[in-house]
Amino acid sequence: MRRFGEKLYFLRTKHSLSTRKLAEKVQISHTQIRRLENGVRLPAADLVLRIADFFGVDVNQLMRDELEVE
């Protein structure tokens, strides 16, 4: 799960979302989005599920470092 932040950043920018807009959609603060993307924090399980659902990706793609997101 070391690459979670990198994957989150990729998905957010791919969908042209600001940190504030994504934070609004997944019900957390934009500061938390930045911390996740920068690897300062790891997400709770329920947040991983919300992010996966929002972007329409499999949870495994976000959690497993060897898998890529598209």
PDB file of N, CA and C in Angstrom:
ATOM      1  N   MET A   1       0.823  -1.199   0.000  1.00  0.00           N
ATOM      2  CA  MET A   1       0.000   0.000   0.000  1.00  0.00           C
ATOM      3  C   MET A   1       0.864   1.259   0.000  1.00  0.00           C
ATOM      4  N   ARG A   2       2.126   1.099  -0.263  1.00  0.00           N
ATOM      5  CA  ARG A   2       3.027   2.251  -0.310  1.00  0.00           C
ATOM      6  C   ARG A   2       2.682   3.197  -1.448  1.00  0.00           C
ATOM      7  N   ARG A   3       2.036   2.693  -2.494  1.00  0.00           N
ATOM      8  CA  ARG A   3       1.750   3.512  -3.678  1.00  0.00           C
ATOM      9  C   ARG A   3       0.333   4.104  -3.670  1.00  0.00           C
ATOM     10  N   PHE A   4      -0.378   3.987  -2.566  1.00  0.00           N
ATOM     11  CA  PHE A   4      -1.755   4.477  -2.528  1.00  0.00           C
ATOM     12  C   PHE A   4      -1.839   5.946  -2.923  1.00  0.00           C
ATOM     13  N   GLY A   5      -0.994   6.785  -2.340  1.00  0.00           N
ATOM     14  CA  GLY A   5      -1.015   8.219  -2.623  1.00  0.00           C
ATOM     15  C   GLY A   5      -0.754   8.525  -4.082  1.00  0.00           C
ATOM     16  N   GLU A   6       0.196   7.824  -4.653  1.00  0.00           N
ATOM     17  CA  GLU A   6       0.521   7.991  -6.077  1.00  0.00           C
ATOM     18  C   GLU A   6      -0.686   7.640  -6.950  1.00  0.00           C
ATOM     19  N   LYS A   7      -1.353   6.564  -6.603  1.00  0.00           N
ATOM     20  CA  LYS A   7      -2.528   6.136  -7.366  1.00  0.00           C
ATOM     21  C   LYS A   7      -3.687   7.115  -7.198  1.00  0.00           C
ATOM     22  N   LEU A   8      -3.862   7.606  -5.977  1.00  0.00           N
ATOM     23  CA  LEU A   8      -4.921   8.578  -5.733  1.00  0.00           C
ATOM     24  C   LEU A   8      -4.677   9.852  -6.540  1.00  0.00           C
ATOM     25  N   TYR A   9      -3.444  10.326  -6.538  1.00  0.00           N
ATOM     26  CA  TYR A   9      -3.090  11.512  -7.312  1.00  0.00           C
ATOM     27  C   TYR A   9      -3.365  11.278  -8.804  1.00  0.00           C
ATOM     28  N   PHE A  10      -2.959  10.123  -9.302  1.00  0.00           N
ATOM     29  CA  PHE A  10      -3.189   9.787 -10.706  1.00  0.00           C
ATOM     30  C   PHE A  10      -4.683   9.837 -11.037  1.00  0.00           C
ATOM     31  N   LEU A  11      -5.501   9.193 -10.227  1.00  0.00           N
ATOM     32  CA  LEU A  11      -6.943   9.160 -10.495  1.00  0.00           C
ATOM     33  C   LEU A  11      -7.560  10.559 -10.401  1.00  0.00           C
ATOM     34  N   ARG A  12      -7.150  11.311  -9.396  1.00  0.00           N
ATOM     35  CA  ARG A  12      -7.710  12.653  -9.211  1.00  0.00           C
ATOM     36  C   ARG A  12      -7.381  13.546 -10.399  1.00  0.00           C
ATOM     37  N   THR A  13      -6.124  13.532 -10.832  1.00  0.00           N
ATOM     38  CA  THR A  13      -5.745  14.399 -11.955  1.00  0.00           C
ATOM     39  C   THR A  13      -6.301  13.888 -13.281  1.00  0.00           C
ATOM     40  N   LYS A  14      -6.403  12.582 -13.425  1.00  0.00           N
ATOM     41  CA  LYS A  14      -6.987  12.005 -14.639  1.00  0.00           C
ATOM     42  C   LYS A  14      -8.429  12.478 -14.818  1.00  0.00           C
ATOM     43  N   HIS A  15      -9.141  12.643 -13.710  1.00  0.00           N
ATOM     44  CA  HIS A  15     -10.533  13.087 -13.753  1.00  0.00           C
ATOM     45  C   HIS A  15     -10.668  14.601 -13.572  1.00  0.00           C
ATOM     46  N   SER A  16      -9.539  15.297 -13.638  1.00  0.00           N
ATOM     47  CA  SER A  16      -9.512  16.773 -13.542  1.00  0.00           C
ATOM     48  C   SER A  16     -10.218  17.298 -12.299  1.00  0.00           C
ATOM     49  N   LEU A  17      -9.923  16.686 -11.172  1.00  0.00           N
ATOM     50  CA  LEU A  17     -10.532  17.109  -9.911  1.00  0.00           C
ATOM     51  C   LEU A  17      -9.510  17.832  -9.048  1.00  0.00           C
ATOM     52  N   SER A  18      -9.941  18.868  -8.395  1.00  0.00           N
ATOM     53  CA  SER A  18      -9.094  19.524  -7.404  1.00  0.00           C
ATOM     54  C   SER A  18      -9.139  18.690  -6.119  1.00  0.00           C
ATOM     55  N   THR A  19      -8.218  18.961  -5.217  1.00  0.00           N
ATOM     56  CA  THR A  19      -8.257  18.244  -3.941  1.00  0.00           C
ATOM     57  C   THR A  19      -9.545  18.565  -3.189  1.00  0.00           C
ATOM     58  N   ARG A  20      -9.991  19.797  -3.302  1.00  0.00           N
ATOM     59  CA  ARG A  20     -11.238  20.191  -2.622  1.00  0.00           C
ATOM     60  C   ARG A  20     -12.453  19.464  -3.186  1.00  0.00           C
ATOM     61  N   LYS A  21     -12.523  19.348  -4.498  1.00  0.00           N
ATOM     62  CA  LYS A  21     -13.666  18.688  -5.121  1.00  0.00           C
ATOM     63  C   LYS A  21     -13.702  17.200  -4.766  1.00  0.00           C
ATOM     64  N   LEU A  22     -12.533  16.542  -4.839  1.00  0.00           N
ATOM     65  CA  LEU A  22     -12.486  15.130  -4.472  1.00  0.00           C
ATOM     66  C   LEU A  22     -12.834  14.951  -2.995  1.00  0.00           C
ATOM     67  N   ALA A  23     -12.315  15.811  -2.155  1.00  0.00           N
ATOM     68  CA  ALA A  23     -12.601  15.730  -0.721  1.00  0.00           C
ATOM     69  C   ALA A  23     -14.100  15.830  -0.463  1.00  0.00           C
ATOM     70  N   GLU A  24     -14.741  16.728  -1.183  1.00  0.00           N
ATOM     71  CA  GLU A  24     -16.190  16.882  -1.059  1.00  0.00           C
ATOM     72  C   GLU A  24     -16.911  15.592  -1.461  1.00  0.00           C
ATOM     73  N   LYS A  25     -16.468  14.987  -2.538  1.00  0.00           N
ATOM     74  CA  LYS A  25     -17.111  13.778  -3.062  1.00  0.00           C
ATOM     75  C   LYS A  25     -16.952  12.574  -2.132  1.00  0.00           C
ATOM     76  N   VAL A  26     -15.791  12.457  -1.468  1.00  0.00           N
ATOM     77  CA  VAL A  26     -15.562  11.296  -0.599  1.00  0.00           C
ATOM     78  C   VAL A  26     -15.694  11.642   0.890  1.00  0.00           C
ATOM     79  N   GLN A  27     -16.163  12.844   1.164  1.00  0.00           N
ATOM     80  CA  GLN A  27     -16.533  13.301   2.505  1.00  0.00           C
ATOM     81  C   GLN A  27     -15.378  13.338   3.508  1.00  0.00           C
ATOM     82  N   ILE A  28     -14.256  13.937   3.077  1.00  0.00           N
ATOM     83  CA  ILE A  28     -13.149  14.220   3.981  1.00  0.00           C
ATOM     84  C   ILE A  28     -12.630  15.615   3.651  1.00  0.00           C
ATOM     85  N   SER A  29     -11.645  16.083   4.380  1.00  0.00           N
ATOM     86  CA  SER A  29     -11.106  17.418   4.107  1.00  0.00           C
ATOM     87  C   SER A  29     -10.082  17.370   2.975  1.00  0.00           C
ATOM     88  N   HIS A  30      -9.904  18.501   2.310  1.00  0.00           N
ATOM     89  CA  HIS A  30      -8.910  18.556   1.236  1.00  0.00           C
ATOM     90  C   HIS A  30      -7.495  18.378   1.789  1.00  0.00           C
ATOM     91  N   THR A  31      -7.288  18.758   3.031  1.00  0.00           N
ATOM     92  CA  THR A  31      -5.997  18.549   3.680  1.00  0.00           C
ATOM     93  C   THR A  31      -5.701  17.062   3.802  1.00  0.00           C
ATOM     94  N   GLN A  32      -6.710  16.278   4.118  1.00  0.00           N
ATOM     95  CA  GLN A  32      -6.524  14.829   4.201  1.00  0.00           C
ATOM     96  C   GLN A  32      -6.173  14.237   2.840  1.00  0.00           C
ATOM     97  N   ILE A  33      -6.773  14.760   1.784  1.00  0.00           N
ATOM     98  CA  ILE A  33      -6.436  14.293   0.429  1.00  0.00           C
ATOM     99  C   ILE A  33      -4.960  14.543   0.170  1.00  0.00           C
ATOM    100  N   ARG A  34      -4.490  15.727   0.480  1.00  0.00           N
ATOM    101  CA  ARG A  34      -3.076  16.059   0.270  1.00  0.00           C
ATOM    102  C   ARG A  34      -2.159  15.144   1.084  1.00  0.00           C
ATOM    103  N   ARG A  35      -2.525  14.892   2.323  1.00  0.00           N
ATOM    104  CA  ARG A  35      -1.713  14.014   3.172  1.00  0.00           C
ATOM    105  C   ARG A  35      -1.668  12.592   2.622  1.00  0.00           C
ATOM    106  N   LEU A  36      -2.786  12.121   2.101  1.00  0.00           N
ATOM    107  CA  LEU A  36      -2.824  10.787   1.501  1.00  0.00           C
ATOM    108  C   LEU A  36      -1.948  10.741   0.257  1.00  0.00           C
ATOM    109  N   GLU A  37      -2.089  11.734  -0.592  1.00  0.00           N
ATOM    110  CA  GLU A  37      -1.310  11.767  -1.834  1.00  0.00           C
ATOM    111  C   GLU A  37       0.188  11.876  -1.574  1.00  0.00           C
ATOM    112  N   ASN A  38       0.567  12.562  -0.522  1.00  0.00           N
ATOM    113  CA  ASN A  38       1.979  12.751  -0.192  1.00  0.00           C
ATOM    114  C   ASN A  38       2.549  11.617   0.669  1.00  0.00           C
ATOM    115  N   GLY A  39       1.705  10.640   1.004  1.00  0.00           N
ATOM    116  CA  GLY A  39       2.159   9.500   1.785  1.00  0.00           C
ATOM    117  C   GLY A  39       2.351   9.778   3.257  1.00  0.00           C
ATOM    118  N   VAL A  40       1.829  10.897   3.723  1.00  0.00           N
ATOM    119  CA  VAL A  40       1.945  11.255   5.132  1.00  0.00           C
ATOM    120  C   VAL A  40       1.000  10.399   5.976  1.00  0.00           C
ATOM    121  N   ARG A  41      -0.143  10.059   5.398  1.00  0.00           N
ATOM    122  CA  ARG A  41      -1.148   9.247   6.103  1.00  0.00           C
ATOM    123  C   ARG A  41      -1.596   8.109   5.212  1.00  0.00           C
ATOM    124  N   LEU A  42      -2.051   7.056   5.854  1.00  0.00           N
ATOM    125  CA  LEU A  42      -2.680   5.951   5.152  1.00  0.00           C
ATOM    126  C   LEU A  42      -4.181   6.028   5.408  1.00  0.00           C
ATOM    127  N   PRO A  43      -4.983   5.642   4.428  1.00  0.00           N
ATOM    128  CA  PRO A  43      -6.432   5.760   4.589  1.00  0.00           C
ATOM    129  C   PRO A  43      -7.020   4.641   5.435  1.00  0.00           C
ATOM    130  N   ALA A  44      -8.128   4.945   6.068  1.00  0.00           N
ATOM    131  CA  ALA A  44      -8.912   3.922   6.767  1.00  0.00           C
ATOM    132  C   ALA A  44      -9.623   3.075   5.709  1.00  0.00           C
ATOM    133  N   ALA A  45     -10.016   1.884   6.090  1.00  0.00           N
ATOM    134  CA  ALA A  45     -10.652   0.948   5.153  1.00  0.00           C
ATOM    135  C   ALA A  45     -11.909   1.533   4.521  1.00  0.00           C
ATOM    136  N   ASP A  46     -12.732   2.217   5.303  1.00  0.00           N
ATOM    137  CA  ASP A  46     -13.967   2.773   4.749  1.00  0.00           C
ATOM    138  C   ASP A  46     -13.680   3.861   3.717  1.00  0.00           C
ATOM    139  N   LEU A  47     -12.610   4.597   3.896  1.00  0.00           N
ATOM    140  CA  LEU A  47     -12.241   5.630   2.925  1.00  0.00           C
ATOM    141  C   LEU A  47     -11.743   4.998   1.628  1.00  0.00           C
ATOM    142  N   VAL A  48     -10.977   3.929   1.735  1.00  0.00           N
ATOM    143  CA  VAL A  48     -10.519   3.220   0.534  1.00  0.00           C
ATOM    144  C   VAL A  48     -11.733   2.753  -0.270  1.00  0.00           C
ATOM    145  N   LEU A  49     -12.736   2.239   0.403  1.00  0.00           N
ATOM    146  CA  LEU A  49     -13.957   1.790  -0.278  1.00  0.00           C
ATOM    147  C   LEU A  49     -14.671   2.946  -0.968  1.00  0.00           C
ATOM    148  N   ARG A  50     -14.787   4.086  -0.286  1.00  0.00           N
ATOM    149  CA  ARG A  50     -15.454   5.252  -0.888  1.00  0.00           C
ATOM    150  C   ARG A  50     -14.697   5.754  -2.109  1.00  0.00           C
ATOM    151  N   ILE A  51     -13.374   5.788  -2.016  1.00  0.00           N
ATOM    152  CA  ILE A  51     -12.555   6.253  -3.137  1.00  0.00           C
ATOM    153  C   ILE A  51     -12.676   5.281  -4.312  1.00  0.00           C
ATOM    154  N   ALA A  52     -12.591   3.991  -4.042  1.00  0.00           N
ATOM    155  CA  ALA A  52     -12.717   2.980  -5.097  1.00  0.00           C
ATOM    156  C   ALA A  52     -14.080   3.084  -5.770  1.00  0.00           C
ATOM    157  N   ASP A  53     -15.128   3.222  -4.983  1.00  0.00           N
ATOM    158  CA  ASP A  53     -16.480   3.358  -5.547  1.00  0.00           C
ATOM    159  C   ASP A  53     -16.605   4.621  -6.384  1.00  0.00           C
ATOM    160  N   PHE A  54     -16.081   5.724  -5.881  1.00  0.00           N
ATOM    161  CA  PHE A  54     -16.189   6.990  -6.598  1.00  0.00           C
ATOM    162  C   PHE A  54     -15.513   6.921  -7.967  1.00  0.00           C
ATOM    163  N   PHE A  55     -14.316   6.345  -8.013  1.00  0.00           N
ATOM    164  CA  PHE A  55     -13.569   6.273  -9.272  1.00  0.00           C
ATOM    165  C   PHE A  55     -13.911   5.039 -10.103  1.00  0.00           C
ATOM    166  N   GLY A  56     -14.690   4.128  -9.541  1.00  0.00           N
ATOM    167  CA  GLY A  56     -15.059   2.931 -10.284  1.00  0.00           C
ATOM    168  C   GLY A  56     -13.907   1.970 -10.505  1.00  0.00           C
ATOM    169  N   VAL A  57     -13.031   1.876  -9.516  1.00  0.00           N
ATOM    170  CA  VAL A  57     -11.902   0.949  -9.597  1.00  0.00           C
ATOM    171  C   VAL A  57     -12.038  -0.098  -8.498  1.00  0.00           C
ATOM    172  N   ASP A  58     -11.337  -1.196  -8.666  1.00  0.00           N
ATOM    173  CA  ASP A  58     -11.335  -2.256  -7.677  1.00  0.00           C
ATOM    174  C   ASP A  58     -10.476  -1.840  -6.488  1.00  0.00           C
ATOM    175  N   VAL A  59     -10.910  -2.178  -5.306  1.00  0.00           N
ATOM    176  CA  VAL A  59     -10.156  -1.866  -4.094  1.00  0.00           C
ATOM    177  C   VAL A  59      -8.737  -2.433  -4.180  1.00  0.00           C
ATOM    178  N   ASN A  60      -8.612  -3.614  -4.749  1.00  0.00           N
ATOM    179  CA  ASN A  60      -7.284  -4.226  -4.878  1.00  0.00           C
ATOM    180  C   ASN A  60      -6.334  -3.362  -5.700  1.00  0.00           C
ATOM    181  N   GLN A  61      -6.856  -2.679  -6.705  1.00  0.00           N
ATOM    182  CA  GLN A  61      -6.003  -1.803  -7.517  1.00  0.00           C
ATOM    183  C   GLN A  61      -5.420  -0.672  -6.678  1.00  0.00           C
ATOM    184  N   LEU A  62      -6.176  -0.204  -5.711  1.00  0.00           N
ATOM    185  CA  LEU A  62      -5.683   0.865  -4.841  1.00  0.00           C
ATOM    186  C   LEU A  62      -4.742   0.342  -3.767  1.00  0.00           C
ATOM    187  N   MET A  63      -5.040  -0.836  -3.241  1.00  0.00           N
ATOM    188  CA  MET A  63      -4.309  -1.360  -2.092  1.00  0.00           C
ATOM    189  C   MET A  63      -3.022  -2.084  -2.462  1.00  0.00           C
ATOM    190  N   ARG A  64      -3.021  -2.803  -3.559  1.00  0.00           N
ATOM    191  CA  ARG A  64      -1.847  -3.621  -3.910  1.00  0.00           C
ATOM    192  C   ARG A  64      -0.880  -2.824  -4.784  1.00  0.00           C
ATOM    193  N   ASP A  65       0.347  -2.721  -4.300  1.00  0.00           N
ATOM    194  CA  ASP A  65       1.359  -1.927  -4.997  1.00  0.00           C
ATOM    195  C   ASP A  65       1.664  -2.446  -6.400  1.00  0.00           C
ATOM    196  N   GLU A  66       1.556  -3.749  -6.605  1.00  0.00           N
ATOM    197  CA  GLU A  66       1.920  -4.332  -7.887  1.00  0.00           C
ATOM    198  C   GLU A  66       0.842  -4.125  -8.964  1.00  0.00           C
ATOM    199  N   LEU A  67      -0.348  -3.714  -8.571  1.00  0.00           N
ATOM    200  CA  LEU A  67      -1.427  -3.479  -9.533  1.00  0.00           C
ATOM    201  C   LEU A  67      -1.504  -2.007  -9.890  1.00  0.00           C
ATOM    202  N   GLU A  68      -1.853  -1.740 -11.127  1.00  0.00           N
ATOM    203  CA  GLU A  68      -1.993  -0.368 -11.616  1.00  0.00           C
ATOM    204  C   GLU A  68      -3.462   0.032 -11.661  1.00  0.00           C
ATOM    205  N   VAL A  69      -3.715   1.322 -11.635  1.00  0.00           N
ATOM    206  CA  VAL A  69      -5.066   1.850 -11.846  1.00  0.00           C
ATOM    207  C   VAL A  69      -5.114   2.454 -13.244  1.00  0.00           C
ATOM    208  N   GLU A  70      -6.287   2.455 -13.808  1.00  0.00           N
ATOM    209  CA  GLU A  70      -6.441   2.993 -15.168  1.00  0.00           C
ATOM    210  C   GLU A  70      -7.514   4.043 -15.210  1.00  0.00           C
TER     211      GLU A  70
END
